[in-house]
Amino acid sequence: MAKLDVTLRERVVEGSAGGGMVKVLFNGLKEPLDVKIEPNILEEEDPEFLQEMVLAAIRQGLKKAEEIEEEEKKKVVGGFGMPGLENLL
């Protein structure tokens, strides 16, 4: 289990929105690592648009982090040959 946490902590995924104008990085433990916003979006768009883009990037990044977590759990329990065991982790 400790190895799984280390593996997930090292995996990084990106959620993006607005054609890459907003990017949010997460590790496989769903911890946010970084937020990048293109400076020109601050000049061109209203605050509500930026808020929507940040939220969309967060949602996408979290979904990718969840997929990575499931993938890594399956690798760990795959050797045990017991379906559904990954749900216990």
C-alpha atoms as a PDB file:
ATOM      1  CA  MET A   1       0.000   0.000   0.000  1.00  0.00           C
ATOM      2  CA  ALA A   2       2.843   2.394   0.788  1.00  0.00           C
ATOM      3  CA  LYS A   3       4.295   1.715  -2.655  1.00  0.00           C
ATOM      4  CA  LEU A   4       0.926   2.547  -4.221  1.00  0.00           C
ATOM      5  CA  ASP A   5       0.871   5.914  -2.433  1.00  0.00           C
ATOM      6  CA  VAL A   6       4.400   6.694  -3.611  1.00  0.00           C
ATOM      7  CA  THR A   7       3.513   5.734  -7.175  1.00  0.00           C
ATOM      8  CA  LEU A   8       0.362   7.864  -7.152  1.00  0.00           C
ATOM      9  CA  ARG A   9       2.186  10.804  -5.600  1.00  0.00           C
ATOM     10  CA  GLU A  10       4.727  10.696  -8.442  1.00  0.00           C
ATOM     11  CA  ARG A  11       2.174  10.486 -11.273  1.00  0.00           C
ATOM     12  CA  VAL A  12       1.114  13.875 -12.628  1.00  0.00           C
ATOM     13  CA  VAL A  13      -1.921  14.653 -14.777  1.00  0.00           C
ATOM     14  CA  GLU A  14      -3.149  17.866 -16.307  1.00  0.00           C
ATOM     15  CA  GLY A  15      -6.630  19.251 -16.633  1.00  0.00           C
ATOM     16  CA  SER A  16      -7.042  22.087 -19.094  1.00  0.00           C
ATOM     17  CA  ALA A  17      -9.732  24.367 -20.431  1.00  0.00           C
ATOM     18  CA  GLY A  18     -10.108  27.202 -22.859  1.00  0.00           C
ATOM     19  CA  GLY A  19      -7.832  25.575 -25.411  1.00  0.00           C
ATOM     20  CA  GLY A  20      -5.060  25.245 -22.842  1.00  0.00           C
ATOM     21  CA  MET A  21      -5.355  28.794 -21.545  1.00  0.00           C
ATOM     22  CA  VAL A  22      -6.036  27.389 -18.070  1.00  0.00           C
ATOM     23  CA  LYS A  23      -4.149  24.334 -16.786  1.00  0.00           C
ATOM     24  CA  VAL A  24      -4.293  22.592 -13.427  1.00  0.00           C
ATOM     25  CA  LEU A  25      -1.846  19.848 -12.437  1.00  0.00           C
ATOM     26  CA  PHE A  26      -2.718  17.061  -9.992  1.00  0.00           C
ATOM     27  CA  ASN A  27      -0.854  14.036  -8.736  1.00  0.00           C
ATOM     28  CA  GLY A  28      -2.445  10.585  -8.650  1.00  0.00           C
ATOM     29  CA  LEU A  29      -3.577  11.221  -5.058  1.00  0.00           C
ATOM     30  CA  LYS A  30      -5.794  14.033  -6.407  1.00  0.00           C
ATOM     31  CA  GLU A  31      -3.649  16.686  -4.737  1.00  0.00           C
ATOM     32  CA  PRO A  32      -3.402  19.936  -6.716  1.00  0.00           C
ATOM     33  CA  LEU A  33       0.181  20.747  -7.683  1.00  0.00           C
ATOM     34  CA  ASP A  34       0.020  23.833  -9.885  1.00  0.00           C
ATOM     35  CA  VAL A  35      -2.304  26.230 -11.685  1.00  0.00           C
ATOM     36  CA  LYS A  36      -1.260  28.025 -14.865  1.00  0.00           C
ATOM     37  CA  ILE A  37      -3.318  30.781 -16.460  1.00  0.00           C
ATOM     38  CA  GLU A  38      -2.274  32.464 -19.681  1.00  0.00           C
ATOM     39  CA  PRO A  39      -1.914  36.188 -18.907  1.00  0.00           C
ATOM     40  CA  ASN A  40      -3.902  37.337 -21.942  1.00  0.00           C
ATOM     41  CA  ILE A  41      -7.051  35.595 -20.675  1.00  0.00           C
ATOM     42  CA  LEU A  42      -7.049  38.039 -17.749  1.00  0.00           C
ATOM     43  CA  GLU A  43      -7.187  40.963 -20.155  1.00  0.00           C
ATOM     44  CA  GLU A  44      -9.626  39.513 -22.685  1.00  0.00           C
ATOM     45  CA  GLU A  45     -12.265  37.695 -20.631  1.00  0.00           C
ATOM     46  CA  ASP A  46     -14.589  38.532 -17.775  1.00  0.00           C
ATOM     47  CA  PRO A  47     -14.110  36.988 -14.310  1.00  0.00           C
ATOM     48  CA  GLU A  48     -17.042  34.588 -14.726  1.00  0.00           C
ATOM     49  CA  PHE A  49     -15.470  33.083 -17.850  1.00  0.00           C
ATOM     50  CA  LEU A  50     -12.157  32.605 -16.057  1.00  0.00           C
ATOM     51  CA  GLN A  51     -13.933  30.980 -13.107  1.00  0.00           C
ATOM     52  CA  GLU A  52     -15.689  28.547 -15.450  1.00  0.00           C
ATOM     53  CA  MET A  53     -12.398  27.679 -17.157  1.00  0.00           C
ATOM     54  CA  VAL A  54     -10.635  27.048 -13.842  1.00  0.00           C
ATOM     55  CA  LEU A  55     -13.495  24.855 -12.652  1.00  0.00           C
ATOM     56  CA  ALA A  56     -13.530  22.890 -15.924  1.00  0.00           C
ATOM     57  CA  ALA A  57      -9.760  22.339 -15.724  1.00  0.00           C
ATOM     58  CA  ILE A  58     -10.072  21.146 -12.109  1.00  0.00           C
ATOM     59  CA  ARG A  59     -12.832  18.699 -12.996  1.00  0.00           C
ATOM     60  CA  GLN A  60     -10.867  17.302 -15.933  1.00  0.00           C
ATOM     61  CA  GLY A  61      -7.696  16.968 -13.855  1.00  0.00           C
ATOM     62  CA  LEU A  62      -9.494  15.208 -11.010  1.00  0.00           C
ATOM     63  CA  LYS A  63     -11.110  12.788 -13.446  1.00  0.00           C
ATOM     64  CA  LYS A  64      -7.717  11.937 -14.916  1.00  0.00           C
ATOM     65  CA  ALA A  65      -6.241  11.507 -11.418  1.00  0.00           C
ATOM     66  CA  GLU A  66      -9.076   9.119 -10.519  1.00  0.00           C
ATOM     67  CA  GLU A  67      -8.387   7.106 -13.674  1.00  0.00           C
ATOM     68  CA  ILE A  68      -4.694   6.878 -12.758  1.00  0.00           C
ATOM     69  CA  GLU A  69      -5.613   5.763  -9.244  1.00  0.00           C
ATOM     70  CA  GLU A  70      -7.884   3.006 -10.551  1.00  0.00           C
ATOM     71  CA  GLU A  71      -5.236   1.883 -13.035  1.00  0.00           C
ATOM     72  CA  GLU A  72      -2.567   1.645 -10.322  1.00  0.00           C
ATOM     73  CA  LYS A  73      -4.906  -0.171  -7.905  1.00  0.00           C
ATOM     74  CA  LYS A  74      -5.654  -2.775 -10.558  1.00  0.00           C
ATOM     75  CA  LYS A  75      -1.930  -3.353 -11.013  1.00  0.00           C
ATOM     76  CA  VAL A  76      -1.488  -3.923  -7.276  1.00  0.00           C
ATOM     77  CA  VAL A  77      -4.402  -6.320  -6.810  1.00  0.00           C
ATOM     78  CA  GLY A  78      -4.180  -7.929 -10.246  1.00  0.00           C
ATOM     79  CA  GLY A  79      -1.783 -10.537  -8.947  1.00  0.00           C
ATOM     80  CA  PHE A  80      -4.246 -11.710  -6.332  1.00  0.00           C
ATOM     81  CA  GLY A  81      -6.846 -12.847  -8.884  1.00  0.00           C
ATOM     82  CA  MET A  82      -9.824 -11.702  -6.832  1.00  0.00           C
ATOM     83  CA  PRO A  83     -12.240  -9.459  -8.777  1.00  0.00           C
ATOM     84  CA  GLY A  84     -13.427  -6.416  -6.855  1.00  0.00           C
ATOM     85  CA  LEU A  85     -10.457  -6.380  -4.493  1.00  0.00           C
ATOM     86  CA  GLU A  86      -9.331  -2.992  -5.843  1.00  0.00           C
ATOM     87  CA  ASN A  87     -12.486  -1.483  -4.334  1.00  0.00           C
ATOM     88  CA  LEU A  88     -11.169  -2.312  -0.876  1.00  0.00           C
ATOM     89  CA  LEU A  89      -8.014  -0.223  -1.343  1.00  0.00           C
END
